[in-house]
Amino acid sequence: MADISPFLLAEQKKTLAEFPLHFILSDVNDLPEAVIRDHDLVILNENAGDFPTAVNVPTSLLCRDSSTQDDPGLSEIRRLFETYSFPVPDGDTFNFNLGAVETTEKLCRAKVPFIFISEHSCEACVPGAYQGVISVSAPGNPERIPLKGHDEYTIRFSHLLRVAGQFGYRILRGPLADFFKPDFNDFLMRFLKRRHSTKQEHEILHHFVEDLYQYEYILLTGKDGRTGKNDNHAKD
């Protein structure tokens, strides 16, 4: 269990005291590759959005004749775009999940057999039958989520998949609704359609069901993985 926060790591030690875990106080990007390589499974659940995100990056910097040598961060963004052939974003500026992409690259380079990443997605979608009932935000550009004391950003999962694909990983992708399948009965549909209700239980239902589709996951299986599947799962 790795965490950058001493307080949260201490809380995790209390919660998980009965399990034989090793606790590491570290930024994930500071973990030596040898430490990562010792593990069969890495889980990044709702924390990739907290990793550093480059905001309002000029699209022009992706041009080959644009100089980035005085800014290591911009140079790293250009390297990643060129290495993994990310599509050039529309518009004059864009947001980029720098930390999430770098971490995925680091995990894949360490050849971790299984990698699971789940987070708010900026590419989320809702099945056709429930569009207009379930609302998600999917602009394609990572969006800011303001929280108490810090911001996080939604994830462009297609970038992470390009990294994993280049390292030869098999990919399974989908919404969290794959694991927690709502029973869209008349009762639930009635509540979901009451968008302007001020009742707390209605708001809770809306947020819960919407998050089942706003959150995406990817499961990456290395060449030596033991699942035996080869699922290149695209969104419906």
C-alpha atoms as a PDB file:
ATOM      1  CA  MET A   1       0.000   0.000   0.000  1.00  0.00           C
ATOM      2  CA  ALA A   2       1.693   3.178  -1.198  1.00  0.00           C
ATOM      3  CA  ASP A   3       0.523   6.678  -0.323  1.00  0.00           C
ATOM      4  CA  ILE A   4       2.050  10.138  -0.446  1.00  0.00           C
ATOM      5  CA  SER A   5       0.178  11.248   2.702  1.00  0.00           C
ATOM      6  CA  PRO A   6       1.574  10.190   6.120  1.00  0.00           C
ATOM      7  CA  PHE A   7      -1.838  10.759   7.719  1.00  0.00           C
ATOM      8  CA  LEU A   8      -3.745   8.643   5.179  1.00  0.00           C
ATOM      9  CA  LEU A   9      -1.117   5.915   5.277  1.00  0.00           C
ATOM     10  CA  ALA A  10      -1.506   5.752   9.060  1.00  0.00           C
ATOM     11  CA  GLU A  11      -5.291   5.489   8.656  1.00  0.00           C
ATOM     12  CA  GLN A  12      -4.841   2.675   6.131  1.00  0.00           C
ATOM     13  CA  LYS A  13      -2.595   0.837   8.569  1.00  0.00           C
ATOM     14  CA  LYS A  14      -5.411   0.940  11.143  1.00  0.00           C
ATOM     15  CA  THR A  15      -8.091  -0.149   8.683  1.00  0.00           C
ATOM     16  CA  LEU A  16      -6.012  -2.964   7.186  1.00  0.00           C
ATOM     17  CA  ALA A  17      -4.216  -4.050  10.358  1.00  0.00           C
ATOM     18  CA  GLU A  18      -5.370  -7.676  10.022  1.00  0.00           C
ATOM     19  CA  PHE A  19      -3.837  -8.074   6.564  1.00  0.00           C
ATOM     20  CA  PRO A  20      -0.142  -8.833   5.882  1.00  0.00           C
ATOM     21  CA  LEU A  21       0.579  -5.618   3.994  1.00  0.00           C
ATOM     22  CA  HIS A  22       3.729  -3.621   3.408  1.00  0.00           C
ATOM     23  CA  PHE A  23       3.152   0.146   3.658  1.00  0.00           C
ATOM     24  CA  ILE A  24       5.259   2.592   1.657  1.00  0.00           C
ATOM     25  CA  LEU A  25       5.274   6.361   2.167  1.00  0.00           C
ATOM     26  CA  SER A  26       6.095   7.634  -1.307  1.00  0.00           C
ATOM     27  CA  ASP A  27       4.967   9.445  -4.395  1.00  0.00           C
ATOM     28  CA  VAL A  28       4.182   6.713  -6.915  1.00  0.00           C
ATOM     29  CA  ASN A  29       6.532   8.372  -9.397  1.00  0.00           C
ATOM     30  CA  ASP A  30       9.391   8.061  -6.904  1.00  0.00           C
ATOM     31  CA  LEU A  31       8.956   4.311  -6.432  1.00  0.00           C
ATOM     32  CA  PRO A  32      11.913   2.399  -7.921  1.00  0.00           C
ATOM     33  CA  GLU A  33      10.978   0.242 -10.891  1.00  0.00           C
ATOM     34  CA  ALA A  34      12.440  -2.778  -9.072  1.00  0.00           C
ATOM     35  CA  VAL A  35       9.865  -2.329  -6.274  1.00  0.00           C
ATOM     36  CA  ILE A  36       7.009  -2.112  -8.768  1.00  0.00           C
ATOM     37  CA  ARG A  37       8.246  -5.129 -10.712  1.00  0.00           C
ATOM     38  CA  ASP A  38       7.923  -7.336  -7.613  1.00  0.00           C
ATOM     39  CA  HIS A  39       4.116  -7.140  -7.760  1.00  0.00           C
ATOM     40  CA  ASP A  40       1.648  -9.116  -9.872  1.00  0.00           C
ATOM     41  CA  LEU A  41      -1.167  -6.555  -9.658  1.00  0.00           C
ATOM     42  CA  VAL A  42      -1.209  -2.776  -9.303  1.00  0.00           C
ATOM     43  CA  ILE A  43      -4.522  -1.048  -8.500  1.00  0.00           C
ATOM     44  CA  LEU A  44      -5.008   2.678  -9.043  1.00  0.00           C
ATOM     45  CA  ASN A  45      -8.568   3.237  -7.889  1.00  0.00           C
ATOM     46  CA  GLU A  46      -9.796   6.838  -7.956  1.00  0.00           C
ATOM     47  CA  ASN A  47      -6.374   8.415  -7.576  1.00  0.00           C
ATOM     48  CA  ALA A  48      -5.052   8.853 -11.129  1.00  0.00           C
ATOM     49  CA  GLY A  49      -7.079  12.073 -11.298  1.00  0.00           C
ATOM     50  CA  ASP A  50      -5.016  13.449  -8.406  1.00  0.00           C
ATOM     51  CA  PHE A  51      -1.747  13.036 -10.302  1.00  0.00           C
ATOM     52  CA  PRO A  52      -0.288  16.183 -11.917  1.00  0.00           C
ATOM     53  CA  THR A  53      -2.299  17.535 -14.853  1.00  0.00           C
ATOM     54  CA  ALA A  54      -0.917  20.108 -17.277  1.00  0.00           C
ATOM     55  CA  VAL A  55      -3.563  22.790 -17.788  1.00  0.00           C
ATOM     56  CA  ASN A  56      -4.089  25.119 -20.767  1.00  0.00           C
ATOM     57  CA  VAL A  57      -1.174  23.690 -22.715  1.00  0.00           C
ATOM     58  CA  PRO A  58      -0.718  25.547 -26.041  1.00  0.00           C
ATOM     59  CA  THR A  59      -1.519  23.183 -28.902  1.00  0.00           C
ATOM     60  CA  SER A  60       1.169  24.940 -30.921  1.00  0.00           C
ATOM     61  CA  LEU A  61       3.898  23.374 -28.751  1.00  0.00           C
ATOM     62  CA  LEU A  62       3.223  20.046 -30.482  1.00  0.00           C
ATOM     63  CA  CYS A  63       4.586  21.495 -33.724  1.00  0.00           C
ATOM     64  CA  ARG A  64       8.120  20.312 -34.417  1.00  0.00           C
ATOM     65  CA  ASP A  65       9.406  23.844 -34.950  1.00  0.00           C
ATOM     66  CA  SER A  66       8.112  24.960 -31.538  1.00  0.00           C
ATOM     67  CA  SER A  67      10.829  25.251 -28.886  1.00  0.00           C
ATOM     68  CA  THR A  68      10.251  23.597 -25.481  1.00  0.00           C
ATOM     69  CA  GLN A  69      13.862  23.230 -24.376  1.00  0.00           C
ATOM     70  CA  ASP A  70      13.498  25.836 -21.615  1.00  0.00           C
ATOM     71  CA  ASP A  71      10.534  24.035 -20.045  1.00  0.00           C
ATOM     72  CA  PRO A  72      11.104  20.379 -19.016  1.00  0.00           C
ATOM     73  CA  GLY A  73       7.375  19.871 -18.460  1.00  0.00           C
ATOM     74  CA  LEU A  74       6.467  20.939 -21.998  1.00  0.00           C
ATOM     75  CA  SER A  75       9.331  18.853 -23.382  1.00  0.00           C
ATOM     76  CA  GLU A  76       7.953  15.812 -21.561  1.00  0.00           C
ATOM     77  CA  ILE A  77       4.463  16.412 -22.952  1.00  0.00           C
ATOM     78  CA  ARG A  78       5.833  16.611 -26.473  1.00  0.00           C
ATOM     79  CA  ARG A  79       7.868  13.425 -25.906  1.00  0.00           C
ATOM     80  CA  LEU A  80       4.762  11.532 -24.827  1.00  0.00           C
ATOM     81  CA  PHE A  81       2.713  12.813 -27.768  1.00  0.00           C
ATOM     82  CA  GLU A  82       5.433  11.786 -30.211  1.00  0.00           C
ATOM     83  CA  THR A  83       6.212   8.446 -28.564  1.00  0.00           C
ATOM     84  CA  TYR A  84       2.614   7.265 -28.397  1.00  0.00           C
ATOM     85  CA  SER A  85       1.167   9.139 -31.395  1.00  0.00           C
ATOM     86  CA  PHE A  86      -1.539  10.859 -29.360  1.00  0.00           C
ATOM     87  CA  PRO A  87      -3.890  12.769 -31.671  1.00  0.00           C
ATOM     88  CA  VAL A  88      -3.350  16.538 -31.712  1.00  0.00           C
ATOM     89  CA  PRO A  89      -6.188  18.110 -29.659  1.00  0.00           C
ATOM     90  CA  ASP A  90      -8.639  20.558 -31.171  1.00  0.00           C
ATOM     91  CA  GLY A  91      -8.502  24.167 -30.047  1.00  0.00           C
ATOM     92  CA  ASP A  92      -5.725  26.511 -29.052  1.00  0.00           C
ATOM     93  CA  THR A  93      -5.082  24.886 -25.657  1.00  0.00           C
ATOM     94  CA  PHE A  94      -5.725  21.563 -23.963  1.00  0.00           C
ATOM     95  CA  ASN A  95      -5.407  19.816 -20.594  1.00  0.00           C
ATOM     96  CA  PHE A  96      -3.169  16.769 -20.352  1.00  0.00           C
ATOM     97  CA  ASN A  97      -3.094  14.005 -17.708  1.00  0.00           C
ATOM     98  CA  LEU A  98       0.687  14.134 -17.456  1.00  0.00           C
ATOM     99  CA  GLY A  99       1.001  12.195 -14.195  1.00  0.00           C
ATOM    100  CA  ALA A 100      -1.490   9.492 -15.167  1.00  0.00           C
ATOM    101  CA  VAL A 101       0.198   8.905 -18.538  1.00  0.00           C
ATOM    102  CA  GLU A 102       3.688   8.831 -16.990  1.00  0.00           C
ATOM    103  CA  THR A 103       2.546   6.419 -14.266  1.00  0.00           C
ATOM    104  CA  THR A 104       0.919   4.092 -16.805  1.00  0.00           C
ATOM    105  CA  GLU A 105       4.148   4.170 -18.819  1.00  0.00           C
ATOM    106  CA  LYS A 106       6.180   3.379 -15.689  1.00  0.00           C
ATOM    107  CA  LEU A 107       3.958   0.440 -14.723  1.00  0.00           C
ATOM    108  CA  CYS A 108       3.992  -0.970 -18.247  1.00  0.00           C
ATOM    109  CA  ARG A 109       7.754  -0.586 -18.527  1.00  0.00           C
ATOM    110  CA  ALA A 110       8.089  -2.524 -15.253  1.00  0.00           C
ATOM    111  CA  LYS A 111       6.050  -5.322 -16.905  1.00  0.00           C
ATOM    112  CA  VAL A 112       3.520  -5.618 -14.099  1.00  0.00           C
ATOM    113  CA  PRO A 113       1.334  -8.574 -15.176  1.00  0.00           C
ATOM    114  CA  PHE A 114      -1.976  -6.931 -14.233  1.00  0.00           C
ATOM    115  CA  ILE A 115      -2.816  -3.224 -13.943  1.00  0.00           C
ATOM    116  CA  PHE A 116      -6.234  -1.872 -12.934  1.00  0.00           C
ATOM    117  CA  ILE A 117      -7.004   1.850 -13.226  1.00  0.00           C
ATOM    118  CA  SER A 118     -10.366   3.442 -12.459  1.00  0.00           C
ATOM    119  CA  GLU A 119     -11.277   7.121 -12.334  1.00  0.00           C
ATOM    120  CA  HIS A 120     -13.669   9.834 -13.546  1.00  0.00           C
ATOM    121  CA  SER A 121     -13.471   9.821 -17.345  1.00  0.00           C
ATOM    122  CA  CYS A 122     -13.678  12.726 -19.775  1.00  0.00           C
ATOM    123  CA  GLU A 123     -14.652  10.189 -22.470  1.00  0.00           C
ATOM    124  CA  ALA A 124     -17.562   8.567 -20.634  1.00  0.00           C
ATOM    125  CA  CYS A 125     -20.665   7.427 -22.477  1.00  0.00           C
ATOM    126  CA  VAL A 126     -24.111   6.120 -21.626  1.00  0.00           C
ATOM    127  CA  PRO A 127     -25.865   3.218 -23.411  1.00  0.00           C
ATOM    128  CA  GLY A 128     -28.284   4.490 -26.051  1.00  0.00           C
ATOM    129  CA  ALA A 129     -31.382   3.321 -24.171  1.00  0.00           C
ATOM    130  CA  TYR A 130     -30.554   5.565 -21.204  1.00  0.00           C
ATOM    131  CA  GLN A 131     -29.253   8.672 -22.933  1.00  0.00           C
ATOM    132  CA  GLY A 132     -31.275  11.647 -21.791  1.00  0.00           C
ATOM    133  CA  VAL A 133     -31.987   9.923 -18.474  1.00  0.00           C
ATOM    134  CA  ILE A 134     -28.412   9.479 -17.202  1.00  0.00           C
ATOM    135  CA  SER A 135     -26.161  12.499 -17.577  1.00  0.00           C
ATOM    136  CA  VAL A 136     -22.370  12.306 -17.934  1.00  0.00           C
ATOM    137  CA  SER A 137     -19.787  14.850 -19.020  1.00  0.00           C
ATOM    138  CA  ALA A 138     -17.574  13.757 -21.903  1.00  0.00           C
ATOM    139  CA  PRO A 139     -15.801  16.671 -23.610  1.00  0.00           C
ATOM    140  CA  GLY A 140     -12.689  14.613 -24.373  1.00  0.00           C
ATOM    141  CA  ASN A 141     -10.546  17.246 -22.658  1.00  0.00           C
ATOM    142  CA  PRO A 142      -9.769  16.487 -18.965  1.00  0.00           C
ATOM    143  CA  GLU A 143     -12.039  18.587 -16.743  1.00  0.00           C
ATOM    144  CA  ARG A 144     -11.225  20.174 -13.389  1.00  0.00           C
ATOM    145  CA  ILE A 145     -12.995  18.778 -10.332  1.00  0.00           C
ATOM    146  CA  PRO A 146     -12.610  21.303  -7.476  1.00  0.00           C
ATOM    147  CA  LEU A 147     -12.281  19.647  -4.079  1.00  0.00           C
ATOM    148  CA  LYS A 148     -11.500  20.879  -0.601  1.00  0.00           C
ATOM    149  CA  GLY A 149      -7.839  21.904  -0.593  1.00  0.00           C
ATOM    150  CA  HIS A 150      -6.978  20.653  -4.078  1.00  0.00           C
ATOM    151  CA  ASP A 151      -8.214  20.000  -7.588  1.00  0.00           C
ATOM    152  CA  GLU A 152      -8.295  16.793  -9.562  1.00  0.00           C
ATOM    153  CA  TYR A 153      -8.972  16.193 -13.240  1.00  0.00           C
ATOM    154  CA  THR A 154     -10.951  13.653 -15.198  1.00  0.00           C
ATOM    155  CA  ILE A 155      -8.926  11.160 -17.225  1.00  0.00           C
ATOM    156  CA  ARG A 156      -8.592  10.731 -20.964  1.00  0.00           C
ATOM    157  CA  PHE A 157      -8.405   6.940 -20.945  1.00  0.00           C
ATOM    158  CA  SER A 158      -7.659   6.665 -24.659  1.00  0.00           C
ATOM    159  CA  HIS A 159      -4.192   8.089 -23.910  1.00  0.00           C
ATOM    160  CA  LEU A 160      -3.531   5.419 -21.286  1.00  0.00           C
ATOM    161  CA  LEU A 161      -4.639   2.730 -23.721  1.00  0.00           C
ATOM    162  CA  ARG A 162      -2.200   3.921 -26.382  1.00  0.00           C
ATOM    163  CA  VAL A 163       0.622   3.603 -23.869  1.00  0.00           C
ATOM    164  CA  ALA A 164      -0.458   0.132 -22.779  1.00  0.00           C
ATOM    165  CA  GLY A 165      -0.955  -1.001 -26.366  1.00  0.00           C
ATOM    166  CA  GLN A 166       2.550   0.025 -27.336  1.00  0.00           C
ATOM    167  CA  PHE A 167       3.908  -2.156 -24.517  1.00  0.00           C
ATOM    168  CA  GLY A 168       1.886  -5.117 -25.782  1.00  0.00           C
ATOM    169  CA  TYR A 169      -0.762  -5.242 -23.061  1.00  0.00           C
ATOM    170  CA  ARG A 170      -4.165  -6.774 -23.646  1.00  0.00           C
ATOM    171  CA  ILE A 171      -6.908  -4.320 -22.736  1.00  0.00           C
ATOM    172  CA  LEU A 172     -10.344  -4.506 -21.151  1.00  0.00           C
ATOM    173  CA  ARG A 173     -12.183  -1.200 -20.838  1.00  0.00           C
ATOM    174  CA  GLY A 174     -15.623  -0.187 -19.695  1.00  0.00           C
ATOM    175  CA  PRO A 175     -17.758   1.766 -17.190  1.00  0.00           C
ATOM    176  CA  LEU A 176     -18.064   0.769 -13.549  1.00  0.00           C
ATOM    177  CA  ALA A 177     -21.607  -0.278 -14.447  1.00  0.00           C
ATOM    178  CA  ASP A 178     -19.940  -3.456 -15.762  1.00  0.00           C
ATOM    179  CA  PHE A 179     -19.432  -4.426 -12.095  1.00  0.00           C
ATOM    180  CA  PHE A 180     -22.457  -2.774 -10.489  1.00  0.00           C
ATOM    181  CA  LYS A 181     -25.263  -3.301 -12.966  1.00  0.00           C
ATOM    182  CA  PRO A 182     -28.284  -1.113 -12.153  1.00  0.00           C
ATOM    183  CA  ASP A 183     -31.710  -2.713 -12.313  1.00  0.00           C
ATOM    184  CA  PHE A 184     -33.445  -0.155 -14.497  1.00  0.00           C
ATOM    185  CA  ASN A 185     -36.915  -1.010 -13.260  1.00  0.00           C
ATOM    186  CA  ASP A 186     -39.868   1.369 -13.250  1.00  0.00           C
ATOM    187  CA  PHE A 187     -39.048   2.547  -9.716  1.00  0.00           C
ATOM    188  CA  LEU A 188     -35.480   3.583 -10.584  1.00  0.00           C
ATOM    189  CA  MET A 189     -36.435   5.118 -13.931  1.00  0.00           C
ATOM    190  CA  ARG A 190     -39.108   7.226 -12.216  1.00  0.00           C
ATOM    191  CA  PHE A 191     -36.534   8.623  -9.795  1.00  0.00           C
ATOM    192  CA  LEU A 192     -33.930   9.248 -12.502  1.00  0.00           C
ATOM    193  CA  LYS A 193     -36.418  11.283 -14.508  1.00  0.00           C
ATOM    194  CA  ARG A 194     -37.131  13.578 -11.551  1.00  0.00           C
ATOM    195  CA  ARG A 195     -34.178  15.819 -12.311  1.00  0.00           C
ATOM    196  CA  HIS A 196     -35.569  18.859 -10.532  1.00  0.00           C
ATOM    197  CA  SER A 197     -36.530  17.104  -7.327  1.00  0.00           C
ATOM    198  CA  THR A 198     -35.115  18.617  -4.130  1.00  0.00           C
ATOM    199  CA  LYS A 199     -35.369  15.372  -2.169  1.00  0.00           C
ATOM    200  CA  GLN A 200     -32.019  14.123  -0.934  1.00  0.00           C
ATOM    201  CA  GLU A 201     -32.692  10.499  -1.889  1.00  0.00           C
ATOM    202  CA  HIS A 202     -33.340  11.550  -5.496  1.00  0.00           C
ATOM    203  CA  GLU A 203     -30.052  13.442  -5.653  1.00  0.00           C
ATOM    204  CA  ILE A 204     -28.186  10.466  -4.163  1.00  0.00           C
ATOM    205  CA  LEU A 205     -29.684   8.100  -6.734  1.00  0.00           C
ATOM    206  CA  HIS A 206     -28.784  10.450  -9.580  1.00  0.00           C
ATOM    207  CA  HIS A 207     -25.181  10.821  -8.468  1.00  0.00           C
ATOM    208  CA  PHE A 208     -24.727   7.114  -7.819  1.00  0.00           C
ATOM    209  CA  VAL A 209     -26.117   5.913 -11.150  1.00  0.00           C
ATOM    210  CA  GLU A 210     -24.412   8.684 -13.113  1.00  0.00           C
ATOM    211  CA  ASP A 211     -21.055   7.855 -11.522  1.00  0.00           C
ATOM    212  CA  LEU A 212     -21.430   4.229 -12.605  1.00  0.00           C
ATOM    213  CA  TYR A 213     -21.052   5.578 -16.156  1.00  0.00           C
ATOM    214  CA  GLN A 214     -18.898   8.664 -15.475  1.00  0.00           C
ATOM    215  CA  TYR A 215     -16.234   6.367 -14.042  1.00  0.00           C
ATOM    216  CA  GLU A 216     -14.344   4.154 -16.454  1.00  0.00           C
ATOM    217  CA  TYR A 217     -11.892   1.380 -15.740  1.00  0.00           C
ATOM    218  CA  ILE A 218      -9.169  -0.331 -17.717  1.00  0.00           C
ATOM    219  CA  LEU A 219      -7.705  -3.725 -16.904  1.00  0.00           C
ATOM    220  CA  LEU A 220      -4.348  -4.307 -18.568  1.00  0.00           C
ATOM    221  CA  THR A 221      -2.985  -7.829 -18.898  1.00  0.00           C
ATOM    222  CA  GLY A 222       0.646  -8.349 -19.858  1.00  0.00           C
ATOM    223  CA  LYS A 223       1.901 -10.879 -22.392  1.00  0.00           C
ATOM    224  CA  ASP A 224       2.559 -13.340 -19.579  1.00  0.00           C
ATOM    225  CA  GLY A 225      -0.778 -12.673 -17.878  1.00  0.00           C
ATOM    226  CA  ARG A 226      -2.842 -15.623 -16.800  1.00  0.00           C
ATOM    227  CA  THR A 227      -6.350 -14.565 -17.850  1.00  0.00           C
ATOM    228  CA  GLY A 228      -6.131 -16.107 -21.306  1.00  0.00           C
ATOM    229  CA  LYS A 229      -8.289 -13.301 -22.740  1.00  0.00           C
ATOM    230  CA  ASN A 230      -7.556 -10.908 -25.532  1.00  0.00           C
ATOM    231  CA  ASP A 231     -10.291  -8.330 -25.155  1.00  0.00           C
ATOM    232  CA  ASN A 232      -9.735  -5.026 -26.927  1.00  0.00           C
ATOM    233  CA  HIS A 233     -12.932  -3.626 -25.490  1.00  0.00           C
ATOM    234  CA  ALA A 234     -14.232  -0.439 -27.099  1.00  0.00           C
ATOM    235  CA  LYS A 235     -17.053   1.564 -25.626  1.00  0.00           C
ATOM    236  CA  ASP A 236     -20.593   0.752 -26.776  1.00  0.00           C
END
